[in-house]
Amino acid sequence: MKKKDFKDLLTSIDQARKIHSGKIKPKRVFRFNPVAVSNIRERLHMSQAEFAYMIGVSIDTLQNWEQGRRRPEGPALALLKVAESSPETVIRALHA
């Protein structure tokens, strides 16, 4: 590992320690309500199996999101937002 990369890593660890102890606040905070996933699915009148298939994830993943054990991130979160507003677009894109 390069010295600069190692120094950056140590800085990150120090920042994480300060955030954890409450000495500083994180610069970014991501929040997601786990109920939102089941609300999207229920508004579309889909079973867990149907919705999981529509968005291309396993039923286990969907259940983890709905029950709050895991949180959708990045592309999955974006896909859920599109599925909420335009499910036809998701179906056309992923199942054409």
C-alpha atoms as a PDB file:
ATOM      1  CA  MET A   1       0.000   0.000   0.000  1.00  0.00           C
ATOM      2  CA  LYS A   2       1.261   3.452  -0.856  1.00  0.00           C
ATOM      3  CA  LYS A   3       2.092   5.797   2.016  1.00  0.00           C
ATOM      4  CA  LYS A   4      -0.542   8.336   0.915  1.00  0.00           C
ATOM      5  CA  ASP A   5      -3.263   5.653   0.774  1.00  0.00           C
ATOM      6  CA  PHE A   6      -2.273   4.405   4.219  1.00  0.00           C
ATOM      7  CA  LYS A   7      -2.345   7.956   5.604  1.00  0.00           C
ATOM      8  CA  ASP A   8      -5.807   8.511   4.075  1.00  0.00           C
ATOM      9  CA  LEU A   9      -6.986   5.265   5.656  1.00  0.00           C
ATOM     10  CA  LEU A  10      -5.729   6.338   9.084  1.00  0.00           C
ATOM     11  CA  THR A  11      -7.455   9.708   8.676  1.00  0.00           C
ATOM     12  CA  SER A  12     -10.721   7.948   7.817  1.00  0.00           C
ATOM     13  CA  ILE A  13     -10.431   5.699  10.854  1.00  0.00           C
ATOM     14  CA  ASP A  14      -9.790   8.708  13.084  1.00  0.00           C
ATOM     15  CA  GLN A  15     -12.833  10.494  11.628  1.00  0.00           C
ATOM     16  CA  ALA A  16     -15.001   7.395  12.144  1.00  0.00           C
ATOM     17  CA  ARG A  17     -13.864   7.195  15.756  1.00  0.00           C
ATOM     18  CA  LYS A  18     -14.769  10.864  16.328  1.00  0.00           C
ATOM     19  CA  ILE A  19     -18.177  10.413  14.669  1.00  0.00           C
ATOM     20  CA  HIS A  20     -18.888   7.316  16.752  1.00  0.00           C
ATOM     21  CA  SER A  21     -17.990   9.115  19.982  1.00  0.00           C
ATOM     22  CA  GLY A  22     -20.098  12.161  19.023  1.00  0.00           C
ATOM     23  CA  LYS A  23     -17.178  14.582  18.807  1.00  0.00           C
ATOM     24  CA  ILE A  24     -18.001  15.438  15.172  1.00  0.00           C
ATOM     25  CA  LYS A  25     -21.040  14.965  12.953  1.00  0.00           C
ATOM     26  CA  PRO A  26     -20.936  12.914   9.754  1.00  0.00           C
ATOM     27  CA  LYS A  27     -20.887  14.936   6.552  1.00  0.00           C
ATOM     28  CA  ARG A  28     -23.497  12.712   4.880  1.00  0.00           C
ATOM     29  CA  VAL A  29     -26.377  10.833   6.449  1.00  0.00           C
ATOM     30  CA  PHE A  30     -28.581   8.490   4.451  1.00  0.00           C
ATOM     31  CA  ARG A  31     -31.973   7.596   5.828  1.00  0.00           C
ATOM     32  CA  PHE A  32     -34.475   5.185   4.366  1.00  0.00           C
ATOM     33  CA  ASN A  33     -37.756   4.120   5.843  1.00  0.00           C
ATOM     34  CA  PRO A  34     -38.052   0.320   5.481  1.00  0.00           C
ATOM     35  CA  VAL A  35     -41.829   0.595   5.354  1.00  0.00           C
ATOM     36  CA  ALA A  36     -41.534   2.497   2.078  1.00  0.00           C
ATOM     37  CA  VAL A  37     -40.558  -0.665   0.176  1.00  0.00           C
ATOM     38  CA  SER A  38     -43.654  -2.571   1.264  1.00  0.00           C
ATOM     39  CA  ASN A  39     -45.799   0.519   0.617  1.00  0.00           C
ATOM     40  CA  ILE A  40     -44.507   0.712  -2.959  1.00  0.00           C
ATOM     41  CA  ARG A  41     -45.177  -2.989  -3.482  1.00  0.00           C
ATOM     42  CA  GLU A  42     -48.654  -2.827  -1.938  1.00  0.00           C
ATOM     43  CA  ARG A  43     -49.641   0.231  -4.007  1.00  0.00           C
ATOM     44  CA  LEU A  44     -48.795  -1.806  -7.092  1.00  0.00           C
ATOM     45  CA  HIS A  45     -50.944  -4.695  -5.782  1.00  0.00           C
ATOM     46  CA  MET A  46     -48.058  -7.162  -6.105  1.00  0.00           C
ATOM     47  CA  SER A  47     -46.975 -10.076  -3.991  1.00  0.00           C
ATOM     48  CA  GLN A  48     -43.421 -10.144  -2.687  1.00  0.00           C
ATOM     49  CA  ALA A  49     -42.521 -12.688  -5.365  1.00  0.00           C
ATOM     50  CA  GLU A  50     -43.996 -10.580  -8.169  1.00  0.00           C
ATOM     51  CA  PHE A  51     -42.357  -7.365  -6.993  1.00  0.00           C
ATOM     52  CA  ALA A  52     -38.978  -9.039  -6.411  1.00  0.00           C
ATOM     53  CA  TYR A  53     -39.119 -10.458  -9.949  1.00  0.00           C
ATOM     54  CA  MET A  54     -40.154  -7.086 -11.382  1.00  0.00           C
ATOM     55  CA  ILE A  55     -37.169  -5.256  -9.882  1.00  0.00           C
ATOM     56  CA  GLY A  56     -34.735  -8.153 -10.330  1.00  0.00           C
ATOM     57  CA  VAL A  57     -33.904  -9.038  -6.720  1.00  0.00           C
ATOM     58  CA  SER A  58     -34.381 -12.178  -4.685  1.00  0.00           C
ATOM     59  CA  ILE A  59     -37.398 -12.549  -2.413  1.00  0.00           C
ATOM     60  CA  ASP A  60     -34.979 -12.775   0.524  1.00  0.00           C
ATOM     61  CA  THR A  61     -33.502  -9.387  -0.381  1.00  0.00           C
ATOM     62  CA  LEU A  62     -36.947  -7.827  -0.664  1.00  0.00           C
ATOM     63  CA  GLN A  63     -37.999  -9.300   2.684  1.00  0.00           C
ATOM     64  CA  ASN A  64     -34.821  -7.998   4.320  1.00  0.00           C
ATOM     65  CA  TRP A  65     -35.625  -4.505   3.018  1.00  0.00           C
ATOM     66  CA  GLU A  66     -39.261  -4.657   4.091  1.00  0.00           C
ATOM     67  CA  GLN A  67     -38.384  -5.921   7.565  1.00  0.00           C
ATOM     68  CA  GLY A  68     -35.624  -3.369   8.064  1.00  0.00           C
ATOM     69  CA  ARG A  69     -32.756  -5.872   8.346  1.00  0.00           C
ATOM     70  CA  ARG A  70     -31.102  -4.362   5.287  1.00  0.00           C
ATOM     71  CA  ARG A  71     -31.451  -1.106   3.401  1.00  0.00           C
ATOM     72  CA  PRO A  72     -31.489  -0.656  -0.347  1.00  0.00           C
ATOM     73  CA  GLU A  73     -28.575   1.470  -1.478  1.00  0.00           C
ATOM     74  CA  GLY A  74     -27.337   3.131  -4.631  1.00  0.00           C
ATOM     75  CA  PRO A  75     -28.820   1.631  -7.784  1.00  0.00           C
ATOM     76  CA  ALA A  76     -31.409  -0.419  -5.857  1.00  0.00           C
ATOM     77  CA  LEU A  77     -32.707   2.704  -4.146  1.00  0.00           C
ATOM     78  CA  ALA A  78     -32.893   4.506  -7.486  1.00  0.00           C
ATOM     79  CA  LEU A  79     -34.728   1.547  -9.031  1.00  0.00           C
ATOM     80  CA  LEU A  80     -37.255   1.552  -6.186  1.00  0.00           C
ATOM     81  CA  LYS A  81     -37.925   5.247  -6.758  1.00  0.00           C
ATOM     82  CA  VAL A  82     -38.520   4.604 -10.467  1.00  0.00           C
ATOM     83  CA  ALA A  83     -40.722   1.589  -9.668  1.00  0.00           C
ATOM     84  CA  GLU A  84     -42.782   3.775  -7.356  1.00  0.00           C
ATOM     85  CA  SER A  85     -43.420   6.490  -9.919  1.00  0.00           C
ATOM     86  CA  SER A  86     -43.376   4.510 -13.145  1.00  0.00           C
ATOM     87  CA  PRO A  87     -43.585   0.722 -12.766  1.00  0.00           C
ATOM     88  CA  GLU A  88     -44.190   0.322 -16.497  1.00  0.00           C
ATOM     89  CA  THR A  89     -40.758   1.791 -17.180  1.00  0.00           C
ATOM     90  CA  VAL A  90     -39.103  -0.795 -14.936  1.00  0.00           C
ATOM     91  CA  ILE A  91     -41.033  -3.632 -16.549  1.00  0.00           C
ATOM     92  CA  ARG A  92     -40.132  -2.430 -20.063  1.00  0.00           C
ATOM     93  CA  ALA A  93     -36.465  -1.961 -19.164  1.00  0.00           C
ATOM     94  CA  LEU A  94     -35.919  -5.203 -17.287  1.00  0.00           C
ATOM     95  CA  HIS A  95     -38.351  -7.580 -18.973  1.00  0.00           C
ATOM     96  CA  ALA A  96     -38.410  -6.551 -22.635  1.00  0.00           C
END
